[in-house]
Amino acid sequence: MALRFHWSLSSAGDNRRGQRARAVQSGVPDLSQHVAFCRQAEASGMDSLLTAFGFHRADPIALAAALGVLTERVTFMVAARSGVCTPTLLVQQINTLSVLTGGRVSLNIVAGHSPHEQRYYGDFLTHDERYERTDEFLTICRRFWDADGPVTFSGRHYCVEDGRVNTPFVSDARSAPEIFVGGNSAQAEALALKHADCLWRLPDAPERLERAVAPIVDSGTEVGLLVSLIARPTTGEAVDAACALVESLAATSRTTQRATTGKDAWLGPCLWNGAVPYLGAPSIALVGSAEDVASTILGYQRMGVSQFLFMGWPDIEEMSFFSEAVLPLVRAREGLGH
């Protein structure tokens, strides 16, 4: 199976992603910047672009629809949460997107974010209850995509009676969207094993990651890594760029946490967590030269990881370097089985 690569679209045109409080981040998309980003992704060989969910962002489905009709090849990985809309409505929205884009839509499901933000949307369930609800949500969605007739379901969180959606999912390759589930918890793994094509999880030290990945892959579900990227022509330049990022974050951040430094900042030869106190766990990054990053990616492939969802600082420059310097190395070596 060839490795697949995706990129987060959430910061197109915003090189200060993560350096500002979410409460003051603009949710107004710059359409021209987003279209340019999409075209760069198409030229760079990205499989899809994530349109993320959050109060500080534009609506991911509306954004994907606008960008989908202005692009040609890239798929839009639309983020969705249970409890925000009904499963019937989501199926109708995703199917409509498939019609508008020729099937270029997939689905990224997360059970929720912080309890504080969930309440913005009227959601007061606990962490475990949100996963229970999301299980019902995806069960209903799957029935719409799998069934020939009306859908009826009765559960604790959702009831649907003789449900119908007259807009079909349209794709030459699939009868339903590819489904990704994100999370590192046991509940996320169980949800992915039951409903998803791929589980997104954060990277970890190699020995721990390999133990976590093996049973999921053995079950037939893919595992992908959500990881940031700081790649440069040389290892030294990449490390310097990572240090400069932390310095800029420290100068503008109000956090009382301090960045991990020195050897403690490295979870592996190429895996760096120095920006986590400022930007959170998604900022765990592959840091190194093109050779370093390609070798690390292929090492993950040997563990069973088959997909990668990247973010970068700044994104479009990182994507271009990845496409020009890292991806050719990966493609040449995975073909040789190295």
C-alpha atoms as a PDB file:
ATOM      1  CA  MET A   1       0.000   0.000   0.000  1.00  0.00           C
ATOM      2  CA  ALA A   2       1.475   3.335  -1.056  1.00  0.00           C
ATOM      3  CA  LEU A   3       1.688   5.962   1.655  1.00  0.00           C
ATOM      4  CA  ARG A   4      -0.876   8.746   1.477  1.00  0.00           C
ATOM      5  CA  PHE A   5      -0.310  12.359   2.474  1.00  0.00           C
ATOM      6  CA  HIS A   6      -2.769  15.048   3.522  1.00  0.00           C
ATOM      7  CA  TRP A   7      -2.464  18.622   4.786  1.00  0.00           C
ATOM      8  CA  SER A   8      -4.480  20.802   7.131  1.00  0.00           C
ATOM      9  CA  LEU A   9      -6.143  23.709   5.339  1.00  0.00           C
ATOM     10  CA  SER A  10      -7.049  25.503   8.568  1.00  0.00           C
ATOM     11  CA  SER A  11      -4.322  28.139   8.400  1.00  0.00           C
ATOM     12  CA  ALA A  12      -4.198  29.011   4.691  1.00  0.00           C
ATOM     13  CA  GLY A  13      -2.928  32.562   4.459  1.00  0.00           C
ATOM     14  CA  ASP A  14      -2.226  32.778   8.211  1.00  0.00           C
ATOM     15  CA  ASN A  15       1.417  32.221   9.103  1.00  0.00           C
ATOM     16  CA  ARG A  16       0.703  32.935  12.775  1.00  0.00           C
ATOM     17  CA  ARG A  17      -1.441  29.836  13.257  1.00  0.00           C
ATOM     18  CA  GLY A  18      -1.479  28.884  16.904  1.00  0.00           C
ATOM     19  CA  GLN A  19       0.302  32.009  18.074  1.00  0.00           C
ATOM     20  CA  ARG A  20      -2.947  33.824  18.786  1.00  0.00           C
ATOM     21  CA  ALA A  21      -5.724  32.954  21.203  1.00  0.00           C
ATOM     22  CA  ARG A  22      -8.571  31.155  19.466  1.00  0.00           C
ATOM     23  CA  ALA A  23     -10.988  33.769  20.836  1.00  0.00           C
ATOM     24  CA  VAL A  24      -9.407  36.511  18.697  1.00  0.00           C
ATOM     25  CA  GLN A  25      -8.652  34.424  15.601  1.00  0.00           C
ATOM     26  CA  SER A  26     -10.666  35.506  12.585  1.00  0.00           C
ATOM     27  CA  GLY A  27     -13.142  33.000  11.228  1.00  0.00           C
ATOM     28  CA  VAL A  28     -13.428  34.864   7.927  1.00  0.00           C
ATOM     29  CA  PRO A  29     -11.725  32.848   5.169  1.00  0.00           C
ATOM     30  CA  ASP A  30      -9.634  34.575   2.528  1.00  0.00           C
ATOM     31  CA  LEU A  31     -11.003  32.732  -0.492  1.00  0.00           C
ATOM     32  CA  SER A  32      -8.176  33.685  -2.842  1.00  0.00           C
ATOM     33  CA  GLN A  33      -5.557  32.470  -0.334  1.00  0.00           C
ATOM     34  CA  HIS A  34      -7.465  29.245   0.190  1.00  0.00           C
ATOM     35  CA  VAL A  35      -7.779  28.579  -3.541  1.00  0.00           C
ATOM     36  CA  ALA A  36      -4.039  29.206  -3.984  1.00  0.00           C
ATOM     37  CA  PHE A  37      -3.353  26.796  -1.134  1.00  0.00           C
ATOM     38  CA  CYS A  38      -5.582  24.151  -2.722  1.00  0.00           C
ATOM     39  CA  ARG A  39      -3.837  24.487  -6.066  1.00  0.00           C
ATOM     40  CA  GLN A  40      -0.448  24.185  -4.379  1.00  0.00           C
ATOM     41  CA  ALA A  41      -1.711  21.032  -2.651  1.00  0.00           C
ATOM     42  CA  GLU A  42      -2.822  19.606  -5.990  1.00  0.00           C
ATOM     43  CA  ALA A  43       0.566  20.385  -7.527  1.00  0.00           C
ATOM     44  CA  SER A  44       2.321  18.905  -4.481  1.00  0.00           C
ATOM     45  CA  GLY A  45       0.584  15.546  -4.658  1.00  0.00           C
ATOM     46  CA  MET A  46      -1.538  15.888  -1.532  1.00  0.00           C
ATOM     47  CA  ASP A  47      -4.349  13.375  -1.345  1.00  0.00           C
ATOM     48  CA  SER A  48      -6.691  15.656   0.580  1.00  0.00           C
ATOM     49  CA  LEU A  49      -7.008  18.839   2.627  1.00  0.00           C
ATOM     50  CA  LEU A  50      -8.597  18.960   6.075  1.00  0.00           C
ATOM     51  CA  THR A  51     -11.242  21.607   6.655  1.00  0.00           C
ATOM     52  CA  ALA A  52     -11.259  21.638  10.454  1.00  0.00           C
ATOM     53  CA  PHE A  53     -14.107  22.371  12.864  1.00  0.00           C
ATOM     54  CA  GLY A  54     -14.163  25.036  15.573  1.00  0.00           C
ATOM     55  CA  PHE A  55     -15.902  28.230  16.623  1.00  0.00           C
ATOM     56  CA  HIS A  56     -12.881  30.233  15.481  1.00  0.00           C
ATOM     57  CA  ARG A  57     -13.002  28.860  11.926  1.00  0.00           C
ATOM     58  CA  ALA A  58     -15.307  29.073   8.948  1.00  0.00           C
ATOM     59  CA  ASP A  59     -17.862  26.275   8.687  1.00  0.00           C
ATOM     60  CA  PRO A  60     -15.947  23.307   7.217  1.00  0.00           C
ATOM     61  CA  ILE A  61     -18.721  22.043   4.942  1.00  0.00           C
ATOM     62  CA  ALA A  62     -19.536  25.444   3.452  1.00  0.00           C
ATOM     63  CA  LEU A  63     -15.821  26.132   2.953  1.00  0.00           C
ATOM     64  CA  ALA A  64     -15.234  22.760   1.281  1.00  0.00           C
ATOM     65  CA  ALA A  65     -18.185  23.369  -1.048  1.00  0.00           C
ATOM     66  CA  ALA A  66     -16.852  26.755  -2.125  1.00  0.00           C
ATOM     67  CA  LEU A  67     -13.332  25.438  -2.682  1.00  0.00           C
ATOM     68  CA  GLY A  68     -14.472  22.214  -4.274  1.00  0.00           C
ATOM     69  CA  VAL A  69     -16.077  23.955  -7.246  1.00  0.00           C
ATOM     70  CA  LEU A  70     -12.926  26.056  -7.753  1.00  0.00           C
ATOM     71  CA  THR A  71     -10.471  23.124  -7.792  1.00  0.00           C
ATOM     72  CA  GLU A  72     -10.003  19.994  -9.854  1.00  0.00           C
ATOM     73  CA  ARG A  73      -8.308  17.093  -8.083  1.00  0.00           C
ATOM     74  CA  VAL A  74      -7.785  17.446  -4.326  1.00  0.00           C
ATOM     75  CA  THR A  75     -10.245  15.844  -1.904  1.00  0.00           C
ATOM     76  CA  PHE A  76     -11.654  17.775   1.047  1.00  0.00           C
ATOM     77  CA  MET A  77     -11.539  15.992   4.383  1.00  0.00           C
ATOM     78  CA  VAL A  78     -14.476  17.636   6.139  1.00  0.00           C
ATOM     79  CA  ALA A  79     -14.434  17.661   9.932  1.00  0.00           C
ATOM     80  CA  ALA A  80     -17.693  16.965  11.757  1.00  0.00           C
ATOM     81  CA  ARG A  81     -18.869  16.384  15.321  1.00  0.00           C
ATOM     82  CA  SER A  82     -21.892  14.515  16.556  1.00  0.00           C
ATOM     83  CA  GLY A  83     -24.346  16.662  18.513  1.00  0.00           C
ATOM     84  CA  VAL A  84     -23.909  19.656  16.213  1.00  0.00           C
ATOM     85  CA  CYS A  85     -26.266  18.345  13.537  1.00  0.00           C
ATOM     86  CA  THR A  86     -28.323  15.209  13.002  1.00  0.00           C
ATOM     87  CA  PRO A  87     -26.749  12.261  11.186  1.00  0.00           C
ATOM     88  CA  THR A  88     -29.399  12.481   8.460  1.00  0.00           C
ATOM     89  CA  LEU A  89     -28.480  16.105   7.772  1.00  0.00           C
ATOM     90  CA  LEU A  90     -24.765  15.333   7.679  1.00  0.00           C
ATOM     91  CA  VAL A  91     -25.327  12.539   5.151  1.00  0.00           C
ATOM     92  CA  GLN A  92     -27.351  14.953   3.015  1.00  0.00           C
ATOM     93  CA  GLN A  93     -24.580  17.581   3.227  1.00  0.00           C
ATOM     94  CA  ILE A  94     -21.753  15.145   2.452  1.00  0.00           C
ATOM     95  CA  ASN A  95     -23.697  13.607  -0.428  1.00  0.00           C
ATOM     96  CA  THR A  96     -24.375  17.069  -1.845  1.00  0.00           C
ATOM     97  CA  LEU A  97     -20.658  17.856  -1.625  1.00  0.00           C
ATOM     98  CA  SER A  98     -19.900  14.655  -3.501  1.00  0.00           C
ATOM     99  CA  VAL A  99     -22.225  15.741  -6.310  1.00  0.00           C
ATOM    100  CA  LEU A 100     -20.651  19.199  -6.510  1.00  0.00           C
ATOM    101  CA  THR A 101     -17.047  17.919  -6.458  1.00  0.00           C
ATOM    102  CA  GLY A 102     -17.273  14.605  -8.278  1.00  0.00           C
ATOM    103  CA  GLY A 103     -16.809  12.587  -5.103  1.00  0.00           C
ATOM    104  CA  ARG A 104     -13.888  14.617  -3.723  1.00  0.00           C
ATOM    105  CA  VAL A 105     -15.005  14.523  -0.093  1.00  0.00           C
ATOM    106  CA  SER A 106     -14.082  12.439   2.940  1.00  0.00           C
ATOM    107  CA  LEU A 107     -15.162  12.721   6.567  1.00  0.00           C
ATOM    108  CA  ASN A 108     -13.063  13.405   9.653  1.00  0.00           C
ATOM    109  CA  ILE A 109     -14.987  12.645  12.852  1.00  0.00           C
ATOM    110  CA  VAL A 110     -13.983  13.879  16.293  1.00  0.00           C
ATOM    111  CA  ALA A 111     -16.177  13.313  19.339  1.00  0.00           C
ATOM    112  CA  GLY A 112     -15.604  16.876  20.556  1.00  0.00           C
ATOM    113  CA  HIS A 113     -13.152  19.459  21.809  1.00  0.00           C
ATOM    114  CA  SER A 114     -12.990  21.092  25.233  1.00  0.00           C
ATOM    115  CA  PRO A 115     -16.162  21.009  27.371  1.00  0.00           C
ATOM    116  CA  HIS A 116     -16.111  24.814  27.255  1.00  0.00           C
ATOM    117  CA  GLU A 117     -16.293  24.932  23.457  1.00  0.00           C
ATOM    118  CA  GLN A 118     -18.793  22.075  23.248  1.00  0.00           C
ATOM    119  CA  ARG A 119     -21.213  24.187  25.273  1.00  0.00           C
ATOM    120  CA  TYR A 120     -21.054  26.904  22.604  1.00  0.00           C
ATOM    121  CA  TYR A 121     -22.945  24.417  20.442  1.00  0.00           C
ATOM    122  CA  GLY A 122     -25.365  23.363  23.166  1.00  0.00           C
ATOM    123  CA  ASP A 123     -23.523  20.133  23.964  1.00  0.00           C
ATOM    124  CA  PHE A 124     -23.264  19.339  27.685  1.00  0.00           C
ATOM    125  CA  LEU A 125     -22.411  15.639  27.514  1.00  0.00           C
ATOM    126  CA  THR A 126     -19.402  14.156  29.281  1.00  0.00           C
ATOM    127  CA  HIS A 127     -16.374  12.820  27.379  1.00  0.00           C
ATOM    128  CA  ASP A 128     -17.569   9.201  27.454  1.00  0.00           C
ATOM    129  CA  GLU A 129     -21.143  10.157  26.588  1.00  0.00           C
ATOM    130  CA  ARG A 130     -19.912  12.035  23.510  1.00  0.00           C
ATOM    131  CA  TYR A 131     -18.212   8.869  22.276  1.00  0.00           C
ATOM    132  CA  GLU A 132     -21.384   6.864  22.905  1.00  0.00           C
ATOM    133  CA  ARG A 133     -23.357   9.437  20.926  1.00  0.00           C
ATOM    134  CA  THR A 134     -20.785   9.458  18.108  1.00  0.00           C
ATOM    135  CA  ASP A 135     -21.082   5.677  17.840  1.00  0.00           C
ATOM    136  CA  GLU A 136     -24.833   6.051  17.266  1.00  0.00           C
ATOM    137  CA  PHE A 137     -24.214   8.957  14.877  1.00  0.00           C
ATOM    138  CA  LEU A 138     -21.855   6.965  12.656  1.00  0.00           C
ATOM    139  CA  THR A 139     -24.064   3.873  12.827  1.00  0.00           C
ATOM    140  CA  ILE A 140     -26.898   5.887  11.315  1.00  0.00           C
ATOM    141  CA  CYS A 141     -24.649   7.522   8.708  1.00  0.00           C
ATOM    142  CA  ARG A 142     -23.311   4.140   7.642  1.00  0.00           C
ATOM    143  CA  ARG A 143     -26.846   2.774   7.285  1.00  0.00           C
ATOM    144  CA  PHE A 144     -27.797   5.601   4.949  1.00  0.00           C
ATOM    145  CA  TRP A 145     -24.733   4.922   2.797  1.00  0.00           C
ATOM    146  CA  ASP A 146     -25.112   1.127   2.904  1.00  0.00           C
ATOM    147  CA  ALA A 147     -28.888   0.648   2.741  1.00  0.00           C
ATOM    148  CA  ASP A 148     -31.126   0.534  -0.323  1.00  0.00           C
ATOM    149  CA  GLY A 149     -34.235   1.617   1.561  1.00  0.00           C
ATOM    150  CA  PRO A 150     -35.373   3.795   4.456  1.00  0.00           C
ATOM    151  CA  VAL A 151     -33.288   3.953   7.634  1.00  0.00           C
ATOM    152  CA  THR A 152     -34.822   3.433  11.061  1.00  0.00           C
ATOM    153  CA  PHE A 153     -32.804   3.641  14.252  1.00  0.00           C
ATOM    154  CA  SER A 154     -33.671   4.016  17.931  1.00  0.00           C
ATOM    155  CA  GLY A 155     -30.935   4.715  20.450  1.00  0.00           C
ATOM    156  CA  ARG A 156     -30.201   6.742  23.547  1.00  0.00           C
ATOM    157  CA  HIS A 157     -29.108   9.845  21.613  1.00  0.00           C
ATOM    158  CA  TYR A 158     -30.774   9.538  18.202  1.00  0.00           C
ATOM    159  CA  CYS A 159     -34.011   8.228  16.785  1.00  0.00           C
ATOM    160  CA  VAL A 160     -34.632   8.128  13.034  1.00  0.00           C
ATOM    161  CA  GLU A 161     -37.827   6.799  11.496  1.00  0.00           C
ATOM    162  CA  ASP A 162     -37.976   5.744   7.835  1.00  0.00           C
ATOM    163  CA  GLY A 163     -35.136   8.125   7.031  1.00  0.00           C
ATOM    164  CA  ARG A 164     -34.543   9.043   3.397  1.00  0.00           C
ATOM    165  CA  VAL A 165     -31.999  11.226   1.583  1.00  0.00           C
ATOM    166  CA  ASN A 166     -32.706  11.696  -2.112  1.00  0.00           C
ATOM    167  CA  THR A 167     -29.228  13.040  -2.897  1.00  0.00           C
ATOM    168  CA  PRO A 168     -26.915  10.022  -3.353  1.00  0.00           C
ATOM    169  CA  PHE A 169     -23.210   9.843  -2.638  1.00  0.00           C
ATOM    170  CA  VAL A 170     -21.584  10.254  -6.050  1.00  0.00           C
ATOM    171  CA  SER A 171     -18.116   8.868  -6.714  1.00  0.00           C
ATOM    172  CA  ASP A 172     -16.476   6.672  -9.331  1.00  0.00           C
ATOM    173  CA  ALA A 173     -14.399   4.945  -6.647  1.00  0.00           C
ATOM    174  CA  ARG A 174     -16.619   4.567  -3.568  1.00  0.00           C
ATOM    175  CA  SER A 175     -20.224   4.123  -2.461  1.00  0.00           C
ATOM    176  CA  ALA A 176     -19.619   6.157   0.715  1.00  0.00           C
ATOM    177  CA  PRO A 177     -17.045   8.691   1.895  1.00  0.00           C
ATOM    178  CA  GLU A 178     -13.813   7.517   3.430  1.00  0.00           C
ATOM    179  CA  ILE A 179     -14.159   7.993   7.190  1.00  0.00           C
ATOM    180  CA  PHE A 180     -11.362   9.076   9.505  1.00  0.00           C
ATOM    181  CA  VAL A 181     -11.680   9.138  13.296  1.00  0.00           C
ATOM    182  CA  GLY A 182      -9.273  11.203  15.375  1.00  0.00           C
ATOM    183  CA  GLY A 183      -8.019  10.570  18.901  1.00  0.00           C
ATOM    184  CA  ASN A 184      -5.492   8.777  21.089  1.00  0.00           C
ATOM    185  CA  SER A 185      -7.954   7.459  23.681  1.00  0.00           C
ATOM    186  CA  ALA A 186      -9.256   3.913  24.002  1.00  0.00           C
ATOM    187  CA  GLN A 187     -12.704   5.226  23.076  1.00  0.00           C
ATOM    188  CA  ALA A 188     -11.362   6.747  19.858  1.00  0.00           C
ATOM    189  CA  GLU A 189      -9.688   3.475  18.941  1.00  0.00           C
ATOM    190  CA  ALA A 190     -12.881   1.518  19.557  1.00  0.00           C
ATOM    191  CA  LEU A 191     -14.881   4.003  17.476  1.00  0.00           C
ATOM    192  CA  ALA A 192     -12.387   3.770  14.614  1.00  0.00           C
ATOM    193  CA  LEU A 193     -12.326  -0.027  14.696  1.00  0.00           C
ATOM    194  CA  LYS A 194     -16.121  -0.116  14.417  1.00  0.00           C
ATOM    195  CA  HIS A 195     -16.761   2.643  11.888  1.00  0.00           C
ATOM    196  CA  ALA A 196     -13.651   4.158  10.286  1.00  0.00           C
ATOM    197  CA  ASP A 197     -11.307   3.428   7.439  1.00  0.00           C
ATOM    198  CA  CYS A 198      -8.445   5.106   9.310  1.00  0.00           C
ATOM    199  CA  LEU A 199      -7.637   6.249  12.854  1.00  0.00           C
ATOM    200  CA  TRP A 200      -5.767   9.540  13.180  1.00  0.00           C
ATOM    201  CA  ARG A 201      -3.520   9.559  16.214  1.00  0.00           C
ATOM    202  CA  LEU A 202      -0.658  11.682  17.463  1.00  0.00           C
ATOM    203  CA  PRO A 203       2.906  10.418  17.129  1.00  0.00           C
ATOM    204  CA  ASP A 204       4.831   9.024  20.082  1.00  0.00           C
ATOM    205  CA  ALA A 205       8.206   7.550  20.905  1.00  0.00           C
ATOM    206  CA  PRO A 206       8.835   4.716  18.402  1.00  0.00           C
ATOM    207  CA  GLU A 207       8.549   1.817  20.815  1.00  0.00           C
ATOM    208  CA  ARG A 208       5.248   3.054  22.281  1.00  0.00           C
ATOM    209  CA  LEU A 209       3.801   3.930  18.897  1.00  0.00           C
ATOM    210  CA  GLU A 210       4.599   0.531  17.433  1.00  0.00           C
ATOM    211  CA  ARG A 211       2.791  -1.212  20.296  1.00  0.00           C
ATOM    212  CA  ALA A 212      -0.254   1.029  19.824  1.00  0.00           C
ATOM    213  CA  VAL A 213      -0.425   0.688  16.035  1.00  0.00           C
ATOM    214  CA  ALA A 214      -0.088  -3.086  15.676  1.00  0.00           C
ATOM    215  CA  PRO A 215      -3.490  -4.266  17.005  1.00  0.00           C
ATOM    216  CA  ILE A 216      -5.390  -1.617  15.041  1.00  0.00           C
ATOM    217  CA  VAL A 217      -3.699  -2.469  11.750  1.00  0.00           C
ATOM    218  CA  ASP A 218      -4.143  -6.180  12.444  1.00  0.00           C
ATOM    219  CA  SER A 219      -7.880  -5.561  12.724  1.00  0.00           C
ATOM    220  CA  GLY A 220      -7.973  -4.145   9.195  1.00  0.00           C
ATOM    221  CA  THR A 221      -8.213  -0.438  10.088  1.00  0.00           C
ATOM    222  CA  GLU A 222      -5.503   1.916   8.857  1.00  0.00           C
ATOM    223  CA  VAL A 223      -3.528   4.172  11.200  1.00  0.00           C
ATOM    224  CA  GLY A 224      -2.428   7.673  10.244  1.00  0.00           C
ATOM    225  CA  LEU A 225      -0.349  10.239  12.110  1.00  0.00           C
ATOM    226  CA  LEU A 226      -1.359  13.848  12.713  1.00  0.00           C
ATOM    227  CA  VAL A 227       2.038  15.536  12.873  1.00  0.00           C
ATOM    228  CA  SER A 228       3.622  18.894  12.129  1.00  0.00           C
ATOM    229  CA  LEU A 229       6.582  19.317   9.813  1.00  0.00           C
ATOM    230  CA  ILE A 230       9.730  21.443  10.011  1.00  0.00           C
ATOM    231  CA  ALA A 231      11.922  20.238   7.142  1.00  0.00           C
ATOM    232  CA  ARG A 232      14.898  22.070   5.687  1.00  0.00           C
ATOM    233  CA  PRO A 233      17.845  21.296   3.353  1.00  0.00           C
ATOM    234  CA  THR A 234      20.015  20.295   6.343  1.00  0.00           C
ATOM    235  CA  THR A 235      19.344  18.928   9.815  1.00  0.00           C
ATOM    236  CA  GLY A 236      20.958  21.960  11.391  1.00  0.00           C
ATOM    237  CA  GLU A 237      18.738  24.379   9.490  1.00  0.00           C
ATOM    238  CA  ALA A 238      15.644  22.447  10.551  1.00  0.00           C
ATOM    239  CA  VAL A 239      16.673  22.432  14.223  1.00  0.00           C
ATOM    240  CA  ASP A 240      17.425  26.157  14.032  1.00  0.00           C
ATOM    241  CA  ALA A 241      13.971  26.763  12.540  1.00  0.00           C
ATOM    242  CA  ALA A 242      12.354  24.785  15.361  1.00  0.00           C
ATOM    243  CA  CYS A 243      14.272  26.784  17.979  1.00  0.00           C
ATOM    244  CA  ALA A 244      13.333  30.056  16.284  1.00  0.00           C
ATOM    245  CA  LEU A 245       9.677  29.008  16.341  1.00  0.00           C
ATOM    246  CA  VAL A 246       9.805  28.407  20.093  1.00  0.00           C
ATOM    247  CA  GLU A 247      11.554  31.716  20.667  1.00  0.00           C
ATOM    248  CA  SER A 248       8.867  33.574  18.726  1.00  0.00           C
ATOM    249  CA  LEU A 249       6.125  31.740  20.598  1.00  0.00           C
ATOM    250  CA  ALA A 250       7.714  32.445  23.968  1.00  0.00           C
ATOM    251  CA  ALA A 251       7.918  36.144  23.140  1.00  0.00           C
ATOM    252  CA  THR A 252       4.218  36.411  22.323  1.00  0.00           C
ATOM    253  CA  SER A 253       2.633  33.734  24.515  1.00  0.00           C
ATOM    254  CA  ARG A 254       0.906  34.207  27.832  1.00  0.00           C
ATOM    255  CA  THR A 255       1.353  30.612  28.898  1.00  0.00           C
ATOM    256  CA  THR A 256       3.181  29.939  32.134  1.00  0.00           C
ATOM    257  CA  GLN A 257       4.493  26.646  30.788  1.00  0.00           C
ATOM    258  CA  ARG A 258       8.012  26.499  29.463  1.00  0.00           C
ATOM    259  CA  ALA A 259       9.117  24.714  26.369  1.00  0.00           C
ATOM    260  CA  THR A 260      10.976  21.464  26.718  1.00  0.00           C
ATOM    261  CA  THR A 261      14.572  21.986  25.629  1.00  0.00           C
ATOM    262  CA  GLY A 262      17.658  19.963  24.818  1.00  0.00           C
ATOM    263  CA  LYS A 263      17.450  16.179  24.668  1.00  0.00           C
ATOM    264  CA  ASP A 264      14.133  16.199  26.561  1.00  0.00           C
ATOM    265  CA  ALA A 265      12.474  17.850  23.562  1.00  0.00           C
ATOM    266  CA  TRP A 266      13.073  14.816  21.350  1.00  0.00           C
ATOM    267  CA  LEU A 267      10.839  11.748  21.382  1.00  0.00           C
ATOM    268  CA  GLY A 268      12.940  10.153  18.652  1.00  0.00           C
ATOM    269  CA  PRO A 269      15.792  11.042  16.275  1.00  0.00           C
ATOM    270  CA  CYS A 270      13.488  13.252  14.188  1.00  0.00           C
ATOM    271  CA  LEU A 271      10.453  13.734  16.460  1.00  0.00           C
ATOM    272  CA  TRP A 272      10.346  17.005  18.424  1.00  0.00           C
ATOM    273  CA  ASN A 273       7.825  18.232  21.000  1.00  0.00           C
ATOM    274  CA  GLY A 274       9.387  21.567  21.943  1.00  0.00           C
ATOM    275  CA  ALA A 275       6.412  23.677  20.833  1.00  0.00           C
ATOM    276  CA  VAL A 276       3.755  21.662  22.689  1.00  0.00           C
ATOM    277  CA  PRO A 277       3.501  24.047  25.696  1.00  0.00           C
ATOM    278  CA  TYR A 278       2.512  26.831  23.306  1.00  0.00           C
ATOM    279  CA  LEU A 279       0.629  25.105  20.490  1.00  0.00           C
ATOM    280  CA  GLY A 280      -0.607  21.868  22.023  1.00  0.00           C
ATOM    281  CA  ALA A 281      -0.057  18.245  21.067  1.00  0.00           C
ATOM    282  CA  PRO A 282      -0.694  18.713  17.309  1.00  0.00           C
ATOM    283  CA  SER A 283       2.576  20.686  17.176  1.00  0.00           C
ATOM    284  CA  ILE A 284       4.660  17.538  17.758  1.00  0.00           C
ATOM    285  CA  ALA A 285       6.807  17.724  14.653  1.00  0.00           C
ATOM    286  CA  LEU A 286       9.106  15.855  12.342  1.00  0.00           C
ATOM    287  CA  VAL A 287      12.216  18.056  12.329  1.00  0.00           C
ATOM    288  CA  GLY A 288      15.160  17.446  10.052  1.00  0.00           C
ATOM    289  CA  SER A 289      16.559  17.344   6.553  1.00  0.00           C
ATOM    290  CA  ALA A 290      14.702  15.799   3.639  1.00  0.00           C
ATOM    291  CA  GLU A 291      16.700  12.619   4.221  1.00  0.00           C
ATOM    292  CA  ASP A 292      15.865  12.628   7.953  1.00  0.00           C
ATOM    293  CA  VAL A 293      12.148  13.120   7.381  1.00  0.00           C
ATOM    294  CA  ALA A 294      11.885  10.586   4.547  1.00  0.00           C
ATOM    295  CA  SER A 295      13.689   7.934   6.604  1.00  0.00           C
ATOM    296  CA  THR A 296      11.447   8.602   9.591  1.00  0.00           C
ATOM    297  CA  ILE A 297       8.274   8.371   7.491  1.00  0.00           C
ATOM    298  CA  LEU A 298       9.411   5.044   6.046  1.00  0.00           C
ATOM    299  CA  GLY A 299      10.189   3.849   9.569  1.00  0.00           C
ATOM    300  CA  TYR A 300       6.609   4.619  10.532  1.00  0.00           C
ATOM    301  CA  GLN A 301       5.434   2.731   7.459  1.00  0.00           C
ATOM    302  CA  ARG A 302       7.285  -0.361   8.681  1.00  0.00           C
ATOM    303  CA  MET A 303       5.332  -0.063  11.954  1.00  0.00           C
ATOM    304  CA  GLY A 304       2.070  -0.091   9.997  1.00  0.00           C
ATOM    305  CA  VAL A 305       1.336   3.636   9.642  1.00  0.00           C
ATOM    306  CA  SER A 306      -0.028   4.288   6.150  1.00  0.00           C
ATOM    307  CA  GLN A 307      -1.223   7.927   6.121  1.00  0.00           C
ATOM    308  CA  PHE A 308       0.043  11.309   7.325  1.00  0.00           C
ATOM    309  CA  LEU A 309      -1.820  14.549   7.995  1.00  0.00           C
ATOM    310  CA  PHE A 310       0.670  17.429   8.120  1.00  0.00           C
ATOM    311  CA  MET A 311       0.749  21.003   9.360  1.00  0.00           C
ATOM    312  CA  GLY A 312       3.699  23.374   8.999  1.00  0.00           C
ATOM    313  CA  TRP A 313       5.127  26.821   9.763  1.00  0.00           C
ATOM    314  CA  PRO A 314       4.448  28.390   7.346  1.00  0.00           C
ATOM    315  CA  ASP A 315       2.280  25.775   5.700  1.00  0.00           C
ATOM    316  CA  ILE A 316       2.659  26.482   2.005  1.00  0.00           C
ATOM    317  CA  GLU A 317       6.460  26.665   2.168  1.00  0.00           C
ATOM    318  CA  GLU A 318       6.620  23.419   4.161  1.00  0.00           C
ATOM    319  CA  MET A 319       4.293  21.723   1.702  1.00  0.00           C
ATOM    320  CA  SER A 320       6.400  22.845  -1.252  1.00  0.00           C
ATOM    321  CA  PHE A 321       9.639  21.621   0.340  1.00  0.00           C
ATOM    322  CA  PHE A 322       8.004  18.321   1.259  1.00  0.00           C
ATOM    323  CA  SER A 323       6.808  17.855  -2.318  1.00  0.00           C
ATOM    324  CA  GLU A 324      10.097  18.789  -3.933  1.00  0.00           C
ATOM    325  CA  ALA A 325      12.633  17.252  -1.538  1.00  0.00           C
ATOM    326  CA  VAL A 326      11.004  14.676   0.759  1.00  0.00           C
ATOM    327  CA  LEU A 327       8.263  13.028  -1.283  1.00  0.00           C
ATOM    328  CA  PRO A 328      10.547  11.891  -4.152  1.00  0.00           C
ATOM    329  CA  LEU A 329      12.777  10.107  -1.623  1.00  0.00           C
ATOM    330  CA  VAL A 330       9.791   8.404  -0.026  1.00  0.00           C
ATOM    331  CA  ARG A 331       8.299   7.288  -3.332  1.00  0.00           C
ATOM    332  CA  ALA A 332      11.616   5.937  -4.616  1.00  0.00           C
ATOM    333  CA  ARG A 333      12.314   3.967  -1.448  1.00  0.00           C
ATOM    334  CA  GLU A 334       8.850   2.622  -0.715  1.00  0.00           C
ATOM    335  CA  GLY A 335       8.914   1.156  -4.206  1.00  0.00           C
ATOM    336  CA  LEU A 336      12.070  -0.724  -3.224  1.00  0.00           C
ATOM    337  CA  GLY A 337      10.559  -1.813   0.089  1.00  0.00           C
ATOM    338  CA  HIS A 338      13.143   0.141   2.119  1.00  0.00           C
END
